[in-house]
Amino acid sequence: MLYRGRFVGRAGRAVCGVLGLFVAMAGGCSLSNPGPSAPSATLNFPTLLALTDASGGAPSHLVVASSNFDLRYRNGSVLSLDLNRLSQVLPDDCEACQVSAVEVLATGGEVRIGSHVSAMEIDVQRGALYLAVRSDADITRIQLDQASGALSCASAGASACSGSGTGSDKSLAGTRGVSLPTDPVAMAIAELSSFGSTHQGRYLFLAHRGGAVSLWLESTNGDSLELLDVLSGLVINLSSLAAHPSTHVLWAPSSVTSLVEQIGVSLDGDSGEPDSATLVHAGRVRVDVNGTASNLRAVSFFDAGQGDQVALLSRSPDLLLTSAATTTDTLLALGGVASLGAGPSRMRVAELGGRTMLFVTSFDAKELQIFDAATGTQLAVVDGLGGPFDVVVDAPRQRAYVADFLTSTVRVISLAPWLQCLSGSGGGAECIPTYLGQVGEPRTSSELL
């Protein structure tokens, strides 16, 4: 059964003025503004979310990256929101409640970053955030105190966190004739052991819009990053990046083709040293849905009891595609095809109520859709949002948090009554995900014109 929840916020549905910004970006305009800094505790076109470590129970903080998409200020920002405090001021009996970001901001939980952040990964073991920012080719690294939620730049005393202040080393890449491409758009992190190394540490991977992937080595103590290699000549407009859970081959779909690039890591067989690693082109998979599927936006892997599976979001047409995650086929054999609302953007895998679920945001349709990963069945939809982009799932609290790009808010949705219905123990509760409210003052249409 499909359960549908609905909320219509203050912001209107027609936000035509933002279109001019997309046109300006396509024309290659500058991503910098020498004007004022963004006010403290302000959400300005939030695009990315991350949850802190939940190994001891519920995650303590929600990290929100704002893109400063309209270039209103000289910087974007990252905020750390206290989830225990948020649960107090936005309880499960709320109905479209609103709280300001400053009410739930962790002490010391804000840093500035460059404009147009495009990817963010969290390392819960080391208490670090890694960001790809389109106005800064290097990786931006932020320290995170997971107990307090406090954030700080990797370079002490910096007025804003940036890749140039991370301490990245490009000397080895220089000796190999490798230079770092611009316009990073996606990121993945993997342990060195995944690639046969006996050393401790991590590799970081950046996908670059122009058709390249860069490989970085993080030092053992996490205080520096070294650029090792760049694989170029890939299809352009790479849109996402994820590592296969078993083979560790990276999958990178393109938003202008029906192709998914596959990239592997090769270690020097003699030395086995982590810094000997290079990237290799491992293959290319084509996605075909009756001759279409030419705009792929996200890739994720999951195991719902049927072995490694891959999920892809397509915008042409708007579909959720699932398949066995094989790396030898040149044509992806689709196991499931589900319709999505217009403009699917991001996807998260979550374990809830004994099921593996896929949470998908559809930007143009203003919807959050939830699917059973094993069957591809749509289980629920929350519509009437402003411009949902990213989503994370807080399983212990049975909540979902949605970065609403167009209204510059974070939407808070309770999954509890709906999950009770799925388990057959609803007890008369309304069988829909419940919209509780938002963090931040919603933008109106006129403010975006």
Protein backbone atom coordinates (compact mmCIF):
# COMPACT_ATOMS: atom_id res chain seq x y z
CA MET A 1 0.00 0.00 0.00
CA LEU A 2 1.19 3.50 -0.85
CA TYR A 3 1.05 6.04 1.96
CA ARG A 4 1.01 9.70 1.01
CA GLY A 5 1.76 12.67 3.27
CA ARG A 6 1.48 16.28 2.21
CA PHE A 7 2.73 19.69 3.27
CA VAL A 8 2.45 22.98 1.43
CA GLY A 9 4.92 25.50 2.80
CA ARG A 10 4.97 29.28 2.70
CA ALA A 11 7.14 29.46 -0.36
CA GLY A 12 5.22 29.43 -3.62
CA ARG A 13 5.73 26.78 -6.24
CA ALA A 14 6.84 29.10 -9.05
CA VAL A 15 10.38 30.29 -8.53
CA CYS A 16 11.22 31.48 -12.00
CA GLY A 17 13.92 33.89 -10.93
CA VAL A 18 16.26 31.07 -9.98
CA LEU A 19 16.37 29.95 -13.61
CA GLY A 20 18.56 32.92 -14.45
CA LEU A 21 21.14 31.65 -12.00
CA PHE A 22 21.26 28.25 -13.70
CA VAL A 23 21.79 29.97 -17.04
CA ALA A 24 24.58 32.08 -15.57
CA MET A 25 26.28 28.98 -14.18
CA ALA A 26 26.07 27.21 -17.54
CA GLY A 27 27.80 30.22 -19.07
CA GLY A 28 30.73 29.82 -16.70
CA CYS A 29 30.24 32.88 -14.50
CA SER A 30 32.49 33.48 -11.51
CA LEU A 31 31.59 31.57 -8.34
CA SER A 32 32.96 34.26 -6.05
CA ASN A 33 31.43 37.39 -4.53
CA PRO A 34 33.65 39.89 -2.69
CA GLY A 35 30.60 41.17 -0.82
CA PRO A 36 29.49 40.55 2.78
CA SER A 37 29.92 37.29 4.66
CA ALA A 38 26.81 35.22 5.23
CA PRO A 39 25.10 36.02 8.54
CA SER A 40 25.72 33.54 11.33
CA ALA A 41 23.35 30.55 11.64
CA THR A 42 21.89 31.14 8.17
CA LEU A 43 20.76 28.47 5.76
CA ASN A 44 21.28 29.73 2.21
CA PHE A 45 20.36 27.17 -0.44
CA PRO A 46 21.32 24.05 1.57
CA THR A 47 22.37 21.15 -0.63
CA LEU A 48 24.03 18.47 1.51
CA LEU A 49 23.35 16.67 4.78
CA ALA A 50 25.27 14.23 6.99
CA LEU A 51 24.63 12.54 10.33
CA THR A 52 27.27 12.07 13.00
CA ASP A 53 28.21 8.70 14.50
CA ALA A 54 25.25 6.64 15.68
CA SER A 55 27.23 3.62 16.96
CA GLY A 56 26.26 4.44 20.53
CA GLY A 57 22.60 5.05 19.69
CA ALA A 58 20.97 7.93 17.88
CA PRO A 59 23.20 10.39 15.99
CA SER A 60 23.93 13.48 18.04
CA HIS A 61 24.18 16.08 15.25
CA LEU A 62 22.96 16.85 11.77
CA VAL A 63 25.53 18.58 9.54
CA VAL A 64 24.09 20.94 6.90
CA ALA A 65 26.13 22.44 4.06
CA SER A 66 24.74 25.59 2.43
CA SER A 67 25.85 26.33 -1.11
CA ASN A 68 25.32 30.12 -1.33
CA PHE A 69 23.93 29.24 -4.75
CA ASP A 70 22.69 32.75 -5.50
CA LEU A 71 26.13 34.18 -4.58
CA ARG A 72 24.38 36.61 -2.27
CA TYR A 73 27.34 36.39 0.11
CA ARG A 74 31.05 35.79 -0.22
CA ASN A 75 30.82 32.30 1.28
CA GLY A 76 28.78 29.19 1.88
CA SER A 77 28.66 27.58 5.30
CA VAL A 78 28.47 24.33 7.26
CA LEU A 79 26.27 24.16 10.35
CA SER A 80 26.12 21.45 13.00
CA LEU A 81 22.63 21.12 14.48
CA ASP A 82 22.01 19.48 17.86
CA LEU A 83 19.47 16.68 17.23
CA ASN A 84 18.60 16.18 20.88
CA ARG A 85 17.72 19.85 21.10
CA LEU A 86 15.82 19.64 17.82
CA SER A 87 13.73 16.75 19.17
CA GLN A 88 12.79 18.92 22.15
CA VAL A 89 11.76 22.01 20.19
CA LEU A 90 10.25 20.00 17.31
CA PRO A 91 8.55 17.06 19.07
CA ASP A 92 6.56 14.34 17.30
CA ASP A 93 3.25 16.11 18.00
CA CYS A 94 4.34 19.22 16.05
CA GLU A 95 2.28 20.30 13.06
CA ALA A 96 4.28 22.47 10.64
CA CYS A 97 6.34 23.95 13.50
CA GLN A 98 9.24 26.26 12.75
CA VAL A 99 12.49 26.78 14.61
CA SER A 100 15.41 29.00 13.75
CA ALA A 101 18.81 27.48 13.06
CA VAL A 102 20.33 29.40 15.97
CA GLU A 103 17.96 27.59 18.40
CA VAL A 104 19.49 24.22 17.58
CA LEU A 105 23.00 25.24 16.49
CA ALA A 106 25.72 23.42 18.42
CA THR A 107 28.18 25.55 20.35
CA GLY A 108 30.97 26.31 17.91
CA GLY A 109 28.98 24.48 15.25
CA GLU A 110 29.54 26.76 12.27
CA VAL A 111 32.32 27.34 9.73
CA ARG A 112 32.48 29.18 6.42
CA ILE A 113 33.37 27.47 3.16
CA GLY A 114 33.58 28.45 -0.50
CA SER A 115 30.48 28.82 -2.66
CA HIS A 116 28.72 26.00 -4.47
CA VAL A 117 29.58 22.96 -2.35
CA SER A 118 28.85 19.86 -4.42
CA ALA A 119 29.74 16.85 -2.26
CA MET A 120 30.25 16.03 1.42
CA GLU A 121 31.42 12.87 3.16
CA ILE A 122 31.79 12.28 6.89
CA ASP A 123 34.47 10.13 8.52
CA VAL A 124 32.94 9.22 11.86
CA GLN A 125 36.06 7.42 13.07
CA ARG A 126 38.33 10.43 12.69
CA GLY A 127 35.74 13.12 13.28
CA ALA A 128 36.27 14.80 9.94
CA LEU A 129 34.17 16.21 7.12
CA TYR A 130 35.42 16.24 3.54
CA LEU A 131 33.83 18.58 1.02
CA ALA A 132 34.10 19.19 -2.69
CA VAL A 133 33.48 22.87 -3.45
CA ARG A 134 33.16 23.99 -7.05
CA SER A 135 34.88 27.30 -6.34
CA ASP A 136 37.89 25.44 -4.87
CA ALA A 137 39.43 22.48 -6.73
CA ASP A 138 41.11 21.05 -3.61
CA ILE A 139 39.32 18.96 -1.00
CA THR A 140 38.08 21.04 1.93
CA ARG A 141 38.56 19.26 5.29
CA ILE A 142 36.72 20.27 8.47
CA GLN A 143 37.31 18.88 11.95
CA LEU A 144 34.20 17.68 13.80
CA ASP A 145 33.93 17.10 17.54
CA GLN A 146 31.20 14.45 17.54
CA ALA A 147 30.43 14.90 21.23
CA SER A 148 29.79 18.65 21.11
CA GLY A 149 29.17 19.13 17.39
CA ALA A 150 31.81 21.87 17.23
CA LEU A 151 33.40 22.48 13.82
CA SER A 152 36.83 23.90 13.00
CA CYS A 153 38.96 24.39 9.89
CA ALA A 154 41.89 22.08 9.26
CA SER A 155 44.05 25.22 9.10
CA ALA A 156 43.94 26.84 12.53
CA GLY A 157 42.85 30.46 12.62
CA ALA A 158 41.45 30.50 9.07
CA SER A 159 38.49 32.81 8.49
CA ALA A 160 36.98 30.22 6.15
CA CYS A 161 37.71 26.53 5.53
CA SER A 162 39.17 25.88 2.09
CA GLY A 163 41.05 23.28 0.14
CA SER A 164 44.10 25.50 0.01
CA GLY A 165 44.17 25.48 3.82
CA THR A 166 43.85 21.70 4.10
CA GLY A 167 47.54 21.12 3.51
CA SER A 168 47.19 19.02 0.35
CA ASP A 169 50.43 17.84 -1.24
CA LYS A 170 50.66 17.70 -5.06
CA SER A 171 54.40 17.17 -5.37
CA LEU A 172 54.20 13.43 -6.19
CA ALA A 173 51.47 14.07 -8.74
CA GLY A 174 53.71 16.72 -10.26
CA THR A 175 56.53 14.24 -10.79
CA ARG A 176 54.01 12.00 -12.57
CA GLY A 177 52.89 14.83 -14.83
CA VAL A 178 49.48 14.90 -13.16
CA SER A 179 47.55 18.13 -12.57
CA LEU A 180 44.33 18.54 -10.64
CA PRO A 181 41.20 19.27 -12.73
CA THR A 182 38.69 21.91 -11.66
CA ASP A 183 34.97 21.65 -10.88
CA PRO A 184 34.70 18.73 -8.41
CA VAL A 185 31.14 17.38 -8.23
CA ALA A 186 31.16 14.09 -6.29
CA MET A 187 33.24 12.24 -3.72
CA ALA A 188 33.84 8.76 -2.30
CA ILE A 189 36.05 7.44 0.52
CA ALA A 190 37.47 3.92 0.91
CA GLU A 191 39.85 2.16 3.29
CA LEU A 192 43.29 1.27 1.92
CA SER A 193 42.64 -2.34 2.90
CA SER A 194 39.83 -2.47 0.33
CA PHE A 195 42.49 -2.42 -2.38
CA GLY A 196 44.85 -4.99 -0.88
CA SER A 197 47.08 -2.63 1.06
CA THR A 198 48.34 -3.70 4.49
CA HIS A 199 48.65 -0.06 5.56
CA GLN A 200 46.15 1.91 7.60
CA GLY A 201 44.46 4.90 6.07
CA ARG A 202 42.04 5.98 3.36
CA TYR A 203 41.83 6.88 -0.27
CA LEU A 204 39.59 9.75 -1.31
CA PHE A 205 38.19 10.05 -4.82
CA LEU A 206 36.82 13.16 -6.53
CA ALA A 207 34.75 13.12 -9.71
CA HIS A 208 35.23 16.23 -11.86
CA ARG A 209 32.51 17.52 -14.15
CA GLY A 210 34.78 17.66 -17.21
CA GLY A 211 35.23 13.87 -17.28
CA ALA A 212 37.96 12.97 -14.79
CA VAL A 213 38.43 11.30 -11.40
CA SER A 214 41.25 12.20 -9.01
CA LEU A 215 42.80 9.93 -6.35
CA TRP A 216 44.01 11.21 -2.98
CA LEU A 217 45.81 9.56 -0.05
CA GLU A 218 44.99 10.66 3.48
CA SER A 219 47.87 10.51 5.93
CA THR A 220 47.64 8.04 8.80
CA ASN A 221 46.93 10.77 11.35
CA GLY A 222 44.52 12.49 8.97
CA ASP A 223 46.32 15.83 8.95
CA SER A 224 47.18 15.97 5.24
CA LEU A 225 46.03 14.82 1.81
CA GLU A 226 48.29 13.83 -1.08
CA LEU A 227 47.17 13.91 -4.71
CA LEU A 228 48.33 10.68 -6.37
CA ASP A 229 46.71 10.38 -9.78
CA VAL A 230 44.05 11.65 -12.17
CA LEU A 231 42.19 9.53 -14.71
CA SER A 232 40.91 11.74 -17.52
CA GLY A 233 39.17 11.09 -20.83
CA LEU A 234 35.97 9.86 -19.17
CA VAL A 235 32.50 10.92 -20.28
CA ILE A 236 31.67 14.49 -19.33
CA ASN A 237 29.23 15.74 -16.71
CA LEU A 238 29.93 13.05 -14.15
CA SER A 239 27.24 13.41 -11.50
CA SER A 240 27.85 10.89 -8.72
CA LEU A 241 30.45 8.49 -7.35
CA ALA A 242 30.13 5.30 -5.29
CA ALA A 243 32.32 2.27 -4.63
CA HIS A 244 31.04 -1.25 -5.25
CA PRO A 245 30.86 -2.91 -1.79
CA SER A 246 32.61 -6.12 -2.90
CA THR A 247 34.89 -5.26 -5.83
CA HIS A 248 35.51 -1.66 -4.70
CA VAL A 249 35.34 -0.53 -8.31
CA LEU A 250 34.04 3.05 -8.47
CA TRP A 251 30.86 3.72 -10.46
CA ALA A 252 30.46 7.22 -11.92
CA PRO A 253 27.30 7.99 -13.94
CA SER A 254 26.96 10.90 -16.36
CA SER A 255 24.11 13.40 -16.50
CA VAL A 256 24.37 13.84 -20.29
CA THR A 257 24.74 10.22 -21.41
CA SER A 258 23.40 6.76 -20.57
CA LEU A 259 26.86 5.63 -19.48
CA VAL A 260 28.35 4.73 -16.11
CA GLU A 261 32.13 4.82 -15.93
CA GLN A 262 33.90 2.18 -13.83
CA ILE A 263 37.25 3.05 -12.26
CA GLY A 264 39.62 0.79 -10.35
CA VAL A 265 42.74 1.29 -8.24
CA SER A 266 46.03 -0.41 -9.05
CA LEU A 267 48.87 -0.75 -6.52
CA ASP A 268 52.50 -1.30 -7.47
CA GLY A 269 52.99 -5.05 -7.13
CA ASP A 270 56.53 -4.73 -5.84
CA SER A 271 56.25 -2.02 -3.21
CA GLY A 272 52.57 -2.20 -2.31
CA GLU A 273 52.97 1.28 -0.86
CA PRO A 274 49.74 3.30 -0.73
CA ASP A 275 51.27 6.22 -2.62
CA SER A 276 52.09 3.91 -5.55
CA ALA A 277 48.39 3.68 -6.41
CA THR A 278 47.09 4.75 -9.80
CA LEU A 279 43.61 4.83 -11.31
CA VAL A 280 42.66 2.46 -14.13
CA HIS A 281 39.64 2.46 -16.41
CA ALA A 282 37.82 -0.75 -15.46
CA GLY A 283 34.96 -0.55 -17.93
CA ARG A 284 31.86 1.30 -18.98
CA VAL A 285 28.24 0.26 -18.44
CA ARG A 286 25.34 1.47 -20.57
CA VAL A 287 21.89 1.91 -19.07
CA ASP A 288 19.04 1.37 -21.53
CA VAL A 289 15.32 1.77 -20.80
CA ASN A 290 13.62 1.36 -24.15
CA GLY A 291 16.38 3.39 -25.75
CA THR A 292 16.32 6.15 -23.13
CA ALA A 293 17.82 6.88 -19.69
CA SER A 294 20.31 9.50 -20.79
CA ASN A 295 20.48 11.68 -17.68
CA LEU A 296 21.80 9.73 -14.70
CA ARG A 297 22.01 11.66 -11.43
CA ALA A 298 22.91 9.32 -8.56
CA VAL A 299 24.23 5.83 -7.84
CA SER A 300 24.02 3.79 -4.62
CA PHE A 301 24.64 0.18 -3.65
CA PHE A 302 22.62 -1.97 -1.28
CA ASP A 303 22.01 -5.57 -0.23
CA ALA A 304 18.38 -6.42 0.46
CA GLY A 305 19.01 -10.16 0.81
CA GLN A 306 19.71 -10.72 -2.89
CA GLY A 307 23.43 -9.93 -3.01
CA ASP A 308 25.01 -6.68 -4.12
CA GLN A 309 22.51 -4.47 -5.96
CA VAL A 310 22.91 -1.07 -7.58
CA ALA A 311 20.34 1.72 -7.76
CA LEU A 312 20.50 4.59 -10.25
CA LEU A 313 18.40 7.73 -10.62
CA SER A 314 17.49 8.79 -14.15
CA ARG A 315 16.02 12.14 -15.16
CA SER A 316 15.33 11.21 -18.77
CA PRO A 317 12.93 9.60 -18.13
CA ASP A 318 12.34 10.08 -14.38
CA LEU A 319 13.00 6.58 -13.08
CA LEU A 320 14.52 4.59 -10.23
CA LEU A 321 16.53 1.77 -11.79
CA THR A 322 17.81 -1.26 -9.87
CA SER A 323 19.99 -4.14 -10.99
CA ALA A 324 22.39 -6.79 -9.83
CA ALA A 325 25.69 -4.95 -9.34
CA THR A 326 27.87 -6.84 -11.81
CA THR A 327 31.03 -5.21 -13.12
CA THR A 328 31.57 -7.32 -16.22
CA ASP A 329 28.48 -6.46 -18.27
CA THR A 330 28.57 -3.60 -20.76
CA LEU A 331 24.76 -3.31 -20.70
CA LEU A 332 23.17 -3.12 -17.27
CA ALA A 333 20.49 -5.81 -16.93
CA LEU A 334 17.72 -3.94 -15.14
CA GLY A 335 15.90 -5.85 -12.45
CA GLY A 336 13.49 -3.08 -11.48
CA VAL A 337 12.13 0.13 -12.97
CA ALA A 338 9.98 2.49 -10.87
CA SER A 339 8.50 5.85 -11.84
CA LEU A 340 9.70 8.94 -10.01
CA GLY A 341 8.49 12.48 -9.71
CA ALA A 342 10.08 15.04 -12.01
CA GLY A 343 13.72 15.93 -11.33
CA PRO A 344 15.06 13.11 -9.11
CA SER A 345 18.16 14.42 -7.33
CA ARG A 346 19.51 12.38 -4.42
CA MET A 347 19.06 8.94 -2.93
CA ARG A 348 19.81 7.34 0.45
CA VAL A 349 19.74 3.71 1.56
CA ALA A 350 18.28 3.08 5.02
CA GLU A 351 17.39 0.05 7.16
CA LEU A 352 13.99 0.56 8.81
CA GLY A 353 11.49 -1.88 10.26
CA GLY A 354 13.47 -4.87 9.04
CA ARG A 355 13.48 -3.59 5.44
CA THR A 356 16.06 -2.01 3.20
CA MET A 357 14.55 1.21 1.85
CA LEU A 358 15.53 3.80 -0.74
CA PHE A 359 14.69 7.44 0.00
CA VAL A 360 14.60 9.55 -3.18
CA THR A 361 14.15 13.31 -3.51
CA SER A 362 12.50 14.68 -6.67
CA PHE A 363 13.33 18.36 -6.95
CA ASP A 364 10.87 19.51 -9.63
CA ALA A 365 8.01 17.36 -8.29
CA LYS A 366 8.72 18.68 -4.76
CA GLU A 367 8.50 15.15 -3.39
CA LEU A 368 10.26 12.67 -1.14
CA GLN A 369 9.51 9.10 -2.25
CA ILE A 370 10.28 5.94 -0.27
CA PHE A 371 10.76 2.54 -1.90
CA ASP A 372 11.22 -1.03 -0.76
CA ALA A 373 14.69 -1.78 -2.16
CA ALA A 374 14.06 -5.52 -2.53
CA THR A 375 10.90 -5.20 -4.61
CA GLY A 376 11.08 -1.67 -6.03
CA THR A 377 7.61 -1.00 -4.62
CA GLN A 378 6.87 2.61 -3.67
CA LEU A 379 5.84 2.62 -0.03
CA ALA A 380 5.21 6.30 0.69
CA VAL A 381 5.52 9.81 -0.66
CA VAL A 382 5.69 13.19 1.02
CA ASP A 383 4.81 15.97 -1.41
CA GLY A 384 4.26 19.72 -1.32
CA LEU A 385 7.88 20.45 -0.38
CA GLY A 386 9.66 23.47 -1.83
CA GLY A 387 12.70 22.08 -3.62
CA PRO A 388 13.95 18.92 -1.89
CA PHE A 389 17.53 18.03 -2.75
CA ASP A 390 19.38 15.89 -0.20
CA VAL A 391 17.93 13.58 2.47
CA VAL A 392 19.30 11.61 5.42
CA VAL A 393 17.49 9.10 7.61
CA ASP A 394 17.77 9.05 11.40
CA ALA A 395 16.69 5.44 12.00
CA PRO A 396 16.86 5.46 15.84
CA ARG A 397 14.57 8.52 16.01
CA GLN A 398 12.51 7.33 13.03
CA ARG A 399 12.91 10.67 11.29
CA ALA A 400 14.04 11.93 7.90
CA TYR A 401 15.70 15.30 7.33
CA VAL A 402 15.41 16.94 3.91
CA ALA A 403 17.54 19.81 2.61
CA ASP A 404 14.97 22.05 0.92
CA PHE A 405 17.05 24.02 -1.54
CA LEU A 406 14.50 26.55 -2.76
CA THR A 407 13.12 27.55 0.64
CA SER A 408 16.54 27.42 2.38
CA THR A 409 15.25 25.20 5.18
CA VAL A 410 15.71 21.70 6.56
CA ARG A 411 12.41 19.80 6.64
CA VAL A 412 11.82 17.35 9.49
CA ILE A 413 9.59 14.34 8.82
CA SER A 414 8.47 11.72 11.34
CA LEU A 415 8.38 8.16 10.02
CA ALA A 416 7.11 6.60 13.25
CA PRO A 417 3.34 6.31 12.60
CA TRP A 418 3.92 5.13 9.05
CA LEU A 419 6.42 2.47 10.16
CA GLN A 420 3.90 1.24 12.70
CA CYS A 421 1.39 0.82 9.89
CA LEU A 422 3.91 -1.12 7.80
CA SER A 423 4.49 -3.49 10.71
CA GLY A 424 0.75 -3.96 11.20
CA SER A 425 0.73 -2.32 14.64
CA GLY A 426 -0.59 1.09 13.68
CA GLY A 427 -3.33 1.04 16.28
CA GLY A 428 -5.41 3.56 14.33
CA ALA A 429 -2.55 5.99 13.75
CA GLU A 430 -2.54 7.90 10.48
CA CYS A 431 -0.57 5.77 8.05
CA ILE A 432 1.60 8.43 6.44
CA PRO A 433 4.98 9.99 7.12
CA THR A 434 4.19 13.07 9.19
CA TYR A 435 5.58 16.50 8.38
CA LEU A 436 6.69 18.04 11.70
CA GLY A 437 8.18 21.35 10.59
CA GLN A 438 11.36 23.02 9.43
CA VAL A 439 14.60 24.53 10.63
CA GLY A 440 15.15 28.01 9.23
CA GLU A 441 12.98 30.83 7.93
CA PRO A 442 11.46 29.73 4.60
CA ARG A 443 12.26 31.90 1.60
CA THR A 444 9.33 33.22 -0.36
CA SER A 445 9.15 33.30 -4.16
CA SER A 446 9.67 37.05 -4.27
CA GLU A 447 12.98 36.74 -2.41
CA LEU A 448 14.35 34.52 -5.20
CA LEU A 449 13.34 36.71 -8.12
